[in-house]
All heavy atoms as atom14 arrays in JSON, in Angstrom:
{
  "sequence": "RLSKLNYCKINGAVLHLAEKNSLIAVMGLKKEIVAMIMPMTLDESER",
  "atom14_mask": [
    [1, 1, 1, 1, 1, 1, 1, 1, 1, 1, 1, 0, 0, 0],
    [1, 1, 1, 1, 1, 1, 1, 1, 0, 0, 0, 0, 0, 0],
    [1, 1, 1, 1, 1, 1, 0, 0, 0, 0, 0, 0, 0, 0],
    [1, 1, 1, 1, 1, 1, 1, 1, 1, 0, 0, 0, 0, 0],
    [1, 1, 1, 1, 1, 1, 1, 1, 0, 0, 0, 0, 0, 0],
    [1, 1, 1, 1, 1, 1, 1, 1, 0, 0, 0, 0, 0, 0],
    [1, 1, 1, 1, 1, 1, 1, 1, 1, 1, 1, 1, 0, 0],
    [1, 1, 1, 1, 1, 1, 0, 0, 0, 0, 0, 0, 0, 0],
    [1, 1, 1, 1, 1, 1, 1, 1, 1, 0, 0, 0, 0, 0],
    [1, 1, 1, 1, 1, 1, 1, 1, 0, 0, 0, 0, 0, 0],
    [1, 1, 1, 1, 1, 1, 1, 1, 0, 0, 0, 0, 0, 0],
    [1, 1, 1, 1, 0, 0, 0, 0, 0, 0, 0, 0, 0, 0],
    [1, 1, 1, 1, 1, 0, 0, 0, 0, 0, 0, 0, 0, 0],
    [1, 1, 1, 1, 1, 1, 1, 0, 0, 0, 0, 0, 0, 0],
    [1, 1, 1, 1, 1, 1, 1, 1, 0, 0, 0, 0, 0, 0],
    [1, 1, 1, 1, 1, 1, 1, 1, 1, 1, 0, 0, 0, 0],
    [1, 1, 1, 1, 1, 1, 1, 1, 0, 0, 0, 0, 0, 0],
    [1, 1, 1, 1, 1, 0, 0, 0, 0, 0, 0, 0, 0, 0],
    [1, 1, 1, 1, 1, 1, 1, 1, 1, 0, 0, 0, 0, 0],
    [1, 1, 1, 1, 1, 1, 1, 1, 1, 0, 0, 0, 0, 0],
    [1, 1, 1, 1, 1, 1, 1, 1, 0, 0, 0, 0, 0, 0],
    [1, 1, 1, 1, 1, 1, 0, 0, 0, 0, 0, 0, 0, 0],
    [1, 1, 1, 1, 1, 1, 1, 1, 0, 0, 0, 0, 0, 0],
    [1, 1, 1, 1, 1, 1, 1, 1, 0, 0, 0, 0, 0, 0],
    [1, 1, 1, 1, 1, 0, 0, 0, 0, 0, 0, 0, 0, 0],
    [1, 1, 1, 1, 1, 1, 1, 0, 0, 0, 0, 0, 0, 0],
    [1, 1, 1, 1, 1, 1, 1, 1, 0, 0, 0, 0, 0, 0],
    [1, 1, 1, 1, 0, 0, 0, 0, 0, 0, 0, 0, 0, 0],
    [1, 1, 1, 1, 1, 1, 1, 1, 0, 0, 0, 0, 0, 0],
    [1, 1, 1, 1, 1, 1, 1, 1, 1, 0, 0, 0, 0, 0],
    [1, 1, 1, 1, 1, 1, 1, 1, 1, 0, 0, 0, 0, 0],
    [1, 1, 1, 1, 1, 1, 1, 1, 1, 0, 0, 0, 0, 0],
    [1, 1, 1, 1, 1, 1, 1, 1, 0, 0, 0, 0, 0, 0],
    [1, 1, 1, 1, 1, 1, 1, 0, 0, 0, 0, 0, 0, 0],
    [1, 1, 1, 1, 1, 0, 0, 0, 0, 0, 0, 0, 0, 0],
    [1, 1, 1, 1, 1, 1, 1, 1, 0, 0, 0, 0, 0, 0],
    [1, 1, 1, 1, 1, 1, 1, 1, 0, 0, 0, 0, 0, 0],
    [1, 1, 1, 1, 1, 1, 1, 1, 0, 0, 0, 0, 0, 0],
    [1, 1, 1, 1, 1, 1, 1, 0, 0, 0, 0, 0, 0, 0],
    [1, 1, 1, 1, 1, 1, 1, 1, 0, 0, 0, 0, 0, 0],
    [1, 1, 1, 1, 1, 1, 1, 0, 0, 0, 0, 0, 0, 0],
    [1, 1, 1, 1, 1, 1, 1, 1, 0, 0, 0, 0, 0, 0],
    [1, 1, 1, 1, 1, 1, 1, 1, 0, 0, 0, 0, 0, 0],
    [1, 1, 1, 1, 1, 1, 1, 1, 1, 0, 0, 0, 0, 0],
    [1, 1, 1, 1, 1, 1, 0, 0, 0, 0, 0, 0, 0, 0],
    [1, 1, 1, 1, 1, 1, 1, 1, 1, 0, 0, 0, 0, 0],
    [1, 1, 1, 1, 1, 1, 1, 1, 1, 1, 1, 0, 0, 0]
  ],
  "atom14_positions": [
    [[8.28, 5.08, -0.32], [8.41, 4.87, -1.76], [7.08, 5.06, -2.48], [7.05, 5.32, -3.68], [8.94, 3.46, -2.03], [10.34, 3.21, -1.49], [10.83, 1.86, -1.91], [12.1, 1.53, -1.26], [12.76, 0.4, -1.48], [12.26, -0.51, -2.31], [13.89, 0.16, -0.86], [0.0, 0.0, 0.0], [0.0, 0.0, 0.0], [0.0, 0.0, 0.0]],
    [[5.98, 4.93, -1.76], [4.67, 5.09, -2.4], [4.5, 6.49, -2.97], [3.84, 6.69, -3.99], [3.55, 4.8, -1.39], [3.48, 3.37, -0.85], [2.33, 3.25, 0.15], [3.32, 2.37, -1.98], [0.0, 0.0, 0.0], [0.0, 0.0, 0.0], [0.0, 0.0, 0.0], [0.0, 0.0, 0.0], [0.0, 0.0, 0.0], [0.0, 0.0, 0.0]],
    [[5.1, 7.48, -2.31], [4.96, 8.86, -2.79], [5.63, 9.05, -4.15], [5.27, 9.93, -4.92], [5.56, 9.84, -1.77], [6.94, 9.61, -1.62], [0.0, 0.0, 0.0], [0.0, 0.0, 0.0], [0.0, 0.0, 0.0], [0.0, 0.0, 0.0], [0.0, 0.0, 0.0], [0.0, 0.0, 0.0], [0.0, 0.0, 0.0], [0.0, 0.0, 0.0]],
    [[6.62, 8.23, -4.46], [7.31, 8.33, -5.74], [6.47, 7.73, -6.87], [6.66, 8.06, -8.04], [8.67, 7.62, -5.66], [9.59, 8.19, -4.59], [10.93, 7.48, -4.58], [11.81, 7.98, -3.44], [12.11, 9.42, -3.56], [0.0, 0.0, 0.0], [0.0, 0.0, 0.0], [0.0, 0.0, 0.0], [0.0, 0.0, 0.0], [0.0, 0.0, 0.0]],
    [[5.53, 6.86, -6.53], [4.68, 6.24, -7.53], [3.46, 7.09, -7.85], [2.89, 7.02, -8.94], [4.2, 4.87, -7.05], [5.28, 3.82, -6.76], [4.64, 2.58, -6.18], [6.06, 3.48, -8.01], [0.0, 0.0, 0.0], [0.0, 0.0, 0.0], [0.0, 0.0, 0.0], [0.0, 0.0, 0.0], [0.0, 0.0, 0.0], [0.0, 0.0, 0.0]],
    [[3.03, 7.91, -6.91], [1.78, 8.64, -7.05], [2.01, 9.96, -7.78], [2.19, 10.99, -7.18], [1.17, 8.89, -5.67], [-0.24, 9.41, -5.77], [-0.82, 9.43, -6.84], [-0.78, 9.83, -4.64], [0.0, 0.0, 0.0], [0.0, 0.0, 0.0], [0.0, 0.0, 0.0], [0.0, 0.0, 0.0], [0.0, 0.0, 0.0], [0.0, 0.0, 0.0]],
    [[2.01, 9.91, -9.11], [2.24, 11.13, -9.89], [1.03, 12.05, -9.88], [1.12, 13.23, -10.16], [2.61, 10.77, -11.33], [1.5, 10.07, -12.1], [0.55, 10.78, -12.81], [1.41, 8.68, -12.09], [-0.46, 10.13, -13.5], [0.41, 8.03, -12.77], [-0.54, 8.75, -13.48], [-1.55, 8.11, -14.15], [0.0, 0.0, 0.0], [0.0, 0.0, 0.0]],
    [[-0.13, 11.5, -9.57], [-1.34, 12.32, -9.48], [-1.71, 12.45, -8.01], [-2.56, 11.73, -7.5], [-2.47, 11.68, -10.28], [-3.95, 12.72, -10.43], [0.0, 0.0, 0.0], [0.0, 0.0, 0.0], [0.0, 0.0, 0.0], [0.0, 0.0, 0.0], [0.0, 0.0, 0.0], [0.0, 0.0, 0.0], [0.0, 0.0, 0.0], [0.0, 0.0, 0.0]],
    [[-1.06, 13.37, -7.32], [-1.15, 13.43, -5.86], [-2.55, 13.81, -5.36], [-2.91, 13.5, -4.25], [-0.1, 14.42, -5.32], [1.32, 13.95, -5.56], [2.31, 14.9, -4.94], [3.74, 14.43, -5.18], [4.01, 13.12, -4.59], [0.0, 0.0, 0.0], [0.0, 0.0, 0.0], [0.0, 0.0, 0.0], [0.0, 0.0, 0.0], [0.0, 0.0, 0.0]],
    [[-3.33, 14.5, -6.18], [-4.65, 14.93, -5.73], [-5.53, 13.72, -5.44], [-6.32, 13.72, -4.51], [-5.3, 15.86, -6.77], [-4.48, 17.14, -6.91], [-6.74, 16.18, -6.4], [-5.01, 18.1, -7.94], [0.0, 0.0, 0.0], [0.0, 0.0, 0.0], [0.0, 0.0, 0.0], [0.0, 0.0, 0.0], [0.0, 0.0, 0.0], [0.0, 0.0, 0.0]],
    [[-5.38, 12.67, -6.24], [-6.23, 11.5, -6.09], [-5.75, 10.57, -4.98], [-6.49, 9.7, -4.54], [-6.29, 10.73, -7.42], [-7.04, 11.5, -8.48], [-8.0, 12.19, -8.17], [-6.58, 11.4, -9.72], [0.0, 0.0, 0.0], [0.0, 0.0, 0.0], [0.0, 0.0, 0.0], [0.0, 0.0, 0.0], [0.0, 0.0, 0.0], [0.0, 0.0, 0.0]],
    [[-4.51, 10.74, -4.55], [-4.0, 9.89, -3.48], [-3.92, 8.44, -3.88], [-3.7, 8.1, -5.04], [0.0, 0.0, 0.0], [0.0, 0.0, 0.0], [0.0, 0.0, 0.0], [0.0, 0.0, 0.0], [0.0, 0.0, 0.0], [0.0, 0.0, 0.0], [0.0, 0.0, 0.0], [0.0, 0.0, 0.0], [0.0, 0.0, 0.0], [0.0, 0.0, 0.0]],
    [[-4.11, 7.55, -2.91], [-4.03, 6.12, -3.16], [-5.04, 5.41, -2.27], [-5.45, 5.91, -1.23], [-2.62, 5.6, -2.88], [0.0, 0.0, 0.0], [0.0, 0.0, 0.0], [0.0, 0.0, 0.0], [0.0, 0.0, 0.0], [0.0, 0.0, 0.0], [0.0, 0.0, 0.0], [0.0, 0.0, 0.0], [0.0, 0.0, 0.0], [0.0, 0.0, 0.0]],
    [[-5.44, 4.22, -2.71], [-6.32, 3.36, -1.91], [-5.44, 2.26, -1.32], [-4.71, 1.58, -2.04], [-7.44, 2.74, -2.78], [-8.27, 1.77, -1.93], [-8.31, 3.84, -3.35], [0.0, 0.0, 0.0], [0.0, 0.0, 0.0], [0.0, 0.0, 0.0], [0.0, 0.0, 0.0], [0.0, 0.0, 0.0], [0.0, 0.0, 0.0], [0.0, 0.0, 0.0]],
    [[-5.5, 2.12, 0.0], [-4.66, 1.13, 0.69], [-5.51, -0.06, 1.13], [-6.55, 0.11, 1.75], [-3.98, 1.78, 1.91], [-3.1, 3.0, 1.61], [-2.5, 3.53, 2.91], [-2.0, 2.66, 0.62], [0.0, 0.0, 0.0], [0.0, 0.0, 0.0], [0.0, 0.0, 0.0], [0.0, 0.0, 0.0], [0.0, 0.0, 0.0], [0.0, 0.0, 0.0]],
    [[-5.04, -1.25, 0.82], [-5.71, -2.48, 1.21], [-4.81, -3.26, 2.16], [-3.62, -3.41, 1.89], [-5.99, -3.36, -0.02], [-6.86, -2.71, -1.04], [-8.23, -2.86, -1.06], [-6.55, -1.91, -2.09], [-8.73, -2.18, -2.09], [-7.73, -1.6, -2.73], [0.0, 0.0, 0.0], [0.0, 0.0, 0.0], [0.0, 0.0, 0.0], [0.0, 0.0, 0.0]],
    [[-5.37, -3.74, 3.24], [-4.66, -4.63, 4.15], [-5.08, -6.04, 3.8], [-6.2, -6.46, 4.09], [-4.99, -4.3, 5.6], [-4.15, -5.01, 6.66], [-2.68, -4.68, 6.49], [-4.61, -4.62, 8.05], [0.0, 0.0, 0.0], [0.0, 0.0, 0.0], [0.0, 0.0, 0.0], [0.0, 0.0, 0.0], [0.0, 0.0, 0.0], [0.0, 0.0, 0.0]],
    [[-4.18, -6.77, 3.14], [-4.51, -8.09, 2.63], [-4.69, -9.09, 3.76], [-4.31, -8.85, 4.9], [-3.44, -8.56, 1.66], [0.0, 0.0, 0.0], [0.0, 0.0, 0.0], [0.0, 0.0, 0.0], [0.0, 0.0, 0.0], [0.0, 0.0, 0.0], [0.0, 0.0, 0.0], [0.0, 0.0, 0.0], [0.0, 0.0, 0.0], [0.0, 0.0, 0.0]],
    [[-5.25, -10.25, 3.42], [-5.56, -11.27, 4.42], [-4.32, -11.69, 5.19], [-4.37, -11.94, 6.39], [-6.2, -12.48, 3.73], [-6.63, -13.58, 4.7], [-7.31, -14.72, 3.99], [-7.56, -14.6, 2.77], [-7.59, -15.73, 4.65], [0.0, 0.0, 0.0], [0.0, 0.0, 0.0], [0.0, 0.0, 0.0], [0.0, 0.0, 0.0], [0.0, 0.0, 0.0]],
    [[-3.17, -11.76, 4.53], [-1.93, -12.15, 5.19], [-1.11, -10.93, 5.6], [0.1, -11.0, 5.74], [-1.12, -13.06, 4.27], [-1.79, -14.4, 4.02], [-0.91, -15.32, 3.22], [-1.59, -16.68, 3.03], [-0.73, -17.62, 2.25], [0.0, 0.0, 0.0], [0.0, 0.0, 0.0], [0.0, 0.0, 0.0], [0.0, 0.0, 0.0], [0.0, 0.0, 0.0]],
    [[-1.79, -9.79, 5.77], [-1.2, -8.58, 6.33], [-0.18, -7.87, 5.45], [0.64, -7.12, 5.93], [-0.56, -8.85, 7.7], [-1.61, -9.14, 8.75], [-2.75, -8.74, 8.62], [-1.22, -9.84, 9.79], [0.0, 0.0, 0.0], [0.0, 0.0, 0.0], [0.0, 0.0, 0.0], [0.0, 0.0, 0.0], [0.0, 0.0, 0.0], [0.0, 0.0, 0.0]],
    [[-0.22, -8.1, 4.17], [0.56, -7.28, 3.26], [-0.23, -6.01, 2.97], [-1.47, -6.01, 2.95], [0.81, -8.03, 1.94], [1.61, -9.17, 2.17], [0.0, 0.0, 0.0], [0.0, 0.0, 0.0], [0.0, 0.0, 0.0], [0.0, 0.0, 0.0], [0.0, 0.0, 0.0], [0.0, 0.0, 0.0], [0.0, 0.0, 0.0], [0.0, 0.0, 0.0]],
    [[0.46, -4.91, 2.76], [-0.18, -3.65, 2.43], [-0.13, -3.47, 0.92], [0.94, -3.49, 0.32], [0.53, -2.49, 3.12], [-0.1, -1.11, 2.92], [-1.46, -1.04, 3.61], [0.82, -0.01, 3.45], [0.0, 0.0, 0.0], [0.0, 0.0, 0.0], [0.0, 0.0, 0.0], [0.0, 0.0, 0.0], [0.0, 0.0, 0.0], [0.0, 0.0, 0.0]],
    [[-1.3, -3.31, 0.31], [-1.39, -3.15, -1.14], [-1.93, -1.75, -1.43], [-2.98, -1.36, -0.9], [-2.31, -4.21, -1.77], [-1.75, -5.61, -1.48], [-2.44, -3.99, -3.27], [-2.67, -6.73, -1.92], [0.0, 0.0, 0.0], [0.0, 0.0, 0.0], [0.0, 0.0, 0.0], [0.0, 0.0, 0.0], [0.0, 0.0, 0.0], [0.0, 0.0, 0.0]],
    [[-1.21, -0.99, -2.23], [-1.6, 0.38, -2.58], [-1.99, 0.43, -4.05], [-1.26, -0.08, -4.91], [-0.45, 1.34, -2.31], [0.0, 0.0, 0.0], [0.0, 0.0, 0.0], [0.0, 0.0, 0.0], [0.0, 0.0, 0.0], [0.0, 0.0, 0.0], [0.0, 0.0, 0.0], [0.0, 0.0, 0.0], [0.0, 0.0, 0.0], [0.0, 0.0, 0.0]],
    [[-3.15, 1.02, -4.33], [-3.64, 1.16, -5.7], [-3.77, 2.65, -6.01], [-4.39, 3.39, -5.24], [-5.01, 0.46, -5.87], [-5.49, 0.6, -7.31], [-4.92, -0.99, -5.46], [0.0, 0.0, 0.0], [0.0, 0.0, 0.0], [0.0, 0.0, 0.0], [0.0, 0.0, 0.0], [0.0, 0.0, 0.0], [0.0, 0.0, 0.0], [0.0, 0.0, 0.0]],
    [[-3.19, 3.08, -7.13], [-3.23, 4.51, -7.47], [-3.21, 4.68, -8.98], [-3.07, 3.72, -9.73], [-2.07, 5.24, -6.82], [-0.7, 4.74, -7.22], [0.62, 5.33, -6.14], [0.36, 4.26, -4.72], [0.0, 0.0, 0.0], [0.0, 0.0, 0.0], [0.0, 0.0, 0.0], [0.0, 0.0, 0.0], [0.0, 0.0, 0.0], [0.0, 0.0, 0.0]],
    [[-3.4, 5.93, -9.39], [-3.48, 6.23, -10.82], [-4.92, 6.45, -11.24], [-5.85, 5.92, -10.64], [0.0, 0.0, 0.0], [0.0, 0.0, 0.0], [0.0, 0.0, 0.0], [0.0, 0.0, 0.0], [0.0, 0.0, 0.0], [0.0, 0.0, 0.0], [0.0, 0.0, 0.0], [0.0, 0.0, 0.0], [0.0, 0.0, 0.0], [0.0, 0.0, 0.0]],
    [[-5.1, 7.25, -12.29], [-6.45, 7.57, -12.75], [-7.23, 6.33, -13.18], [-8.45, 6.28, -13.07], [-6.37, 8.58, -13.91], [-5.81, 9.96, -13.55], [-5.69, 10.82, -14.8], [-6.7, 10.64, -12.53], [0.0, 0.0, 0.0], [0.0, 0.0, 0.0], [0.0, 0.0, 0.0], [0.0, 0.0, 0.0], [0.0, 0.0, 0.0], [0.0, 0.0, 0.0]],
    [[-6.53, 5.34, -13.7], [-7.18, 4.11, -14.15], [-6.82, 2.94, -13.24], [-6.96, 1.78, -13.63], [-6.76, 3.8, -15.59], [-7.18, 4.87, -16.59], [-6.74, 4.5, -18.0], [-7.16, 5.57, -19.0], [-6.73, 5.23, -20.39], [0.0, 0.0, 0.0], [0.0, 0.0, 0.0], [0.0, 0.0, 0.0], [0.0, 0.0, 0.0], [0.0, 0.0, 0.0]],
    [[-6.34, 3.27, -12.04], [-5.92, 2.24, -11.07], [-4.86, 1.33, -11.68], [-4.83, 0.12, -11.42], [-7.12, 1.41, -10.59], [-8.2, 2.25, -9.91], [-9.35, 1.39, -9.43], [-10.41, 2.23, -8.74], [-11.56, 1.43, -8.25], [0.0, 0.0, 0.0], [0.0, 0.0, 0.0], [0.0, 0.0, 0.0], [0.0, 0.0, 0.0], [0.0, 0.0, 0.0]],
    [[-4.0, 1.93, -12.49], [-3.01, 1.16, -13.22], [-1.7, 0.95, -12.45], [-0.82, 0.23, -12.92], [-2.68, 1.84, -14.56], [-1.87, 3.13, -14.45], [-2.71, 4.38, -14.22], [-3.86, 4.23, -13.77], [-2.22, 5.47, -14.49], [0.0, 0.0, 0.0], [0.0, 0.0, 0.0], [0.0, 0.0, 0.0], [0.0, 0.0, 0.0], [0.0, 0.0, 0.0]],
    [[-1.6, 1.55, -11.26], [-0.38, 1.39, -10.46], [-0.74, 0.66, -9.17], [-1.58, 1.11, -8.4], [0.24, 2.77, -10.13], [0.51, 3.54, -11.41], [1.52, 2.6, -9.31], [0.95, 4.97, -11.17], [0.0, 0.0, 0.0], [0.0, 0.0, 0.0], [0.0, 0.0, 0.0], [0.0, 0.0, 0.0], [0.0, 0.0, 0.0], [0.0, 0.0, 0.0]],
    [[-0.12, -0.47, -8.96], [-0.38, -1.28, -7.77], [0.95, -1.67, -7.15], [1.85, -2.16, -7.84], [-1.19, -2.55, -8.1], [-1.46, -3.35, -6.83], [-2.49, -2.18, -8.8], [0.0, 0.0, 0.0], [0.0, 0.0, 0.0], [0.0, 0.0, 0.0], [0.0, 0.0, 0.0], [0.0, 0.0, 0.0], [0.0, 0.0, 0.0], [0.0, 0.0, 0.0]],
    [[1.07, -1.43, -5.86], [2.31, -1.78, -5.15], [1.97, -2.63, -3.93], [0.88, -2.52, -3.37], [3.05, -0.52, -4.72], [0.0, 0.0, 0.0], [0.0, 0.0, 0.0], [0.0, 0.0, 0.0], [0.0, 0.0, 0.0], [0.0, 0.0, 0.0], [0.0, 0.0, 0.0], [0.0, 0.0, 0.0], [0.0, 0.0, 0.0], [0.0, 0.0, 0.0]],
    [[2.89, -3.48, -3.55], [2.71, -4.3, -2.36], [3.93, -4.15, -1.46], [5.07, -4.16, -1.92], [2.52, -5.78, -2.71], [2.38, -6.68, -1.48], [2.23, -8.45, -1.89], [0.59, -8.47, -2.62], [0.0, 0.0, 0.0], [0.0, 0.0, 0.0], [0.0, 0.0, 0.0], [0.0, 0.0, 0.0], [0.0, 0.0, 0.0], [0.0, 0.0, 0.0]],
    [[3.68, -4.01, -0.16], [4.76, -3.94, 0.83], [4.57, -5.08, 1.81], [3.5, -5.23, 2.42], [4.76, -2.59, 1.56], [4.95, -1.44, 0.55], [5.85, -2.55, 2.62], [4.89, -0.07, 1.19], [0.0, 0.0, 0.0], [0.0, 0.0, 0.0], [0.0, 0.0, 0.0], [0.0, 0.0, 0.0], [0.0, 0.0, 0.0], [0.0, 0.0, 0.0]],
    [[5.61, -5.87, 1.96], [5.53, -7.02, 2.85], [5.67, -6.59, 4.31], [6.42, -5.66, 4.62], [6.63, -8.03, 2.51], [6.56, -8.56, 1.09], [4.96, -9.34, 0.76], [5.19, -9.85, -0.95], [0.0, 0.0, 0.0], [0.0, 0.0, 0.0], [0.0, 0.0, 0.0], [0.0, 0.0, 0.0], [0.0, 0.0, 0.0], [0.0, 0.0, 0.0]],
    [[4.98, -7.25, 5.22], [5.03, -6.87, 6.63], [6.26, -7.43, 7.34], [6.92, -8.34, 6.85], [3.76, -7.48, 7.21], [3.57, -8.73, 6.37], [4.03, -8.35, 4.98], [0.0, 0.0, 0.0], [0.0, 0.0, 0.0], [0.0, 0.0, 0.0], [0.0, 0.0, 0.0], [0.0, 0.0, 0.0], [0.0, 0.0, 0.0], [0.0, 0.0, 0.0]],
    [[6.54, -6.86, 8.49], [7.57, -7.39, 9.38], [6.94, -8.41, 10.33], [5.73, -8.37, 10.57], [8.19, -6.25, 10.2], [8.93, -5.23, 9.37], [9.34, -3.73, 10.33], [10.18, -4.43, 11.75], [0.0, 0.0, 0.0], [0.0, 0.0, 0.0], [0.0, 0.0, 0.0], [0.0, 0.0, 0.0], [0.0, 0.0, 0.0], [0.0, 0.0, 0.0]],
    [[7.73, -9.31, 10.83], [7.25, -10.29, 11.8], [7.15, -9.64, 13.18], [8.09, -8.98, 13.63], [8.2, -11.5, 11.87], [8.3, -12.09, 10.56], [7.68, -12.53, 12.86], [0.0, 0.0, 0.0], [0.0, 0.0, 0.0], [0.0, 0.0, 0.0], [0.0, 0.0, 0.0], [0.0, 0.0, 0.0], [0.0, 0.0, 0.0], [0.0, 0.0, 0.0]],
    [[6.01, -9.8, 13.85], [5.79, -9.22, 15.17], [5.53, -10.3, 16.19], [4.9, -11.32, 15.88], [4.58, -8.26, 15.14], [4.64, -7.05, 14.2], [3.31, -6.29, 14.29], [5.79, -6.14, 14.56], [0.0, 0.0, 0.0], [0.0, 0.0, 0.0], [0.0, 0.0, 0.0], [0.0, 0.0, 0.0], [0.0, 0.0, 0.0], [0.0, 0.0, 0.0]],
    [[5.99, -10.08, 17.42], [5.58, -10.96, 18.5], [4.34, -10.35, 19.17], [3.93, -9.24, 18.85], [6.7, -11.21, 19.5], [7.22, -9.92, 20.14], [6.4, -9.0, 20.36], [8.42, -9.84, 20.41], [0.0, 0.0, 0.0], [0.0, 0.0, 0.0], [0.0, 0.0, 0.0], [0.0, 0.0, 0.0], [0.0, 0.0, 0.0], [0.0, 0.0, 0.0]],
    [[3.75, -11.08, 20.1], [2.48, -10.64, 20.68], [2.61, -9.33, 21.45], [1.69, -8.5, 21.43], [1.94, -11.73, 21.62], [1.41, -12.94, 20.88], [0.35, -12.57, 19.84], [-0.55, -11.77, 20.18], [0.43, -13.06, 18.71], [0.0, 0.0, 0.0], [0.0, 0.0, 0.0], [0.0, 0.0, 0.0], [0.0, 0.0, 0.0], [0.0, 0.0, 0.0]],
    [[3.74, -9.1, 22.1], [3.9, -7.85, 22.85], [3.91, -6.63, 21.93], [3.49, -5.55, 22.31], [5.19, -7.89, 23.68], [6.33, -7.96, 22.83], [0.0, 0.0, 0.0], [0.0, 0.0, 0.0], [0.0, 0.0, 0.0], [0.0, 0.0, 0.0], [0.0, 0.0, 0.0], [0.0, 0.0, 0.0], [0.0, 0.0, 0.0], [0.0, 0.0, 0.0]],
    [[4.4, -6.81, 20.72], [4.46, -5.69, 19.77], [3.11, -5.39, 19.14], [2.91, -4.35, 18.52], [5.49, -6.0, 18.67], [6.93, -6.02, 19.18], [7.9, -6.49, 18.13], [7.6, -7.5, 17.46], [8.97, -5.87, 17.98], [0.0, 0.0, 0.0], [0.0, 0.0, 0.0], [0.0, 0.0, 0.0], [0.0, 0.0, 0.0], [0.0, 0.0, 0.0]],
    [[2.17, -6.31, 19.3], [0.84, -6.09, 18.74], [-0.07, -5.3, 19.68], [-1.21, -5.03, 19.37], [0.18, -7.43, 18.4], [0.89, -8.2, 17.3], [0.2, -9.51, 16.97], [0.93, -10.24, 15.95], [0.8, -10.03, 14.64], [-0.04, -9.1, 14.21], [1.5, -10.72, 13.78], [0.0, 0.0, 0.0], [0.0, 0.0, 0.0], [0.0, 0.0, 0.0]]
  ]
}
């Protein structure tokens, strides 16, 4: 879904891995578009 938000594809997006493991994407010429994706729960073997 992030690709649908990034209307200025040349600039791409900046991805942040938040302290609680959410992925935050910042995009736009003025950094005016911010999205957050919640993580899935993992057990130790999956890590």
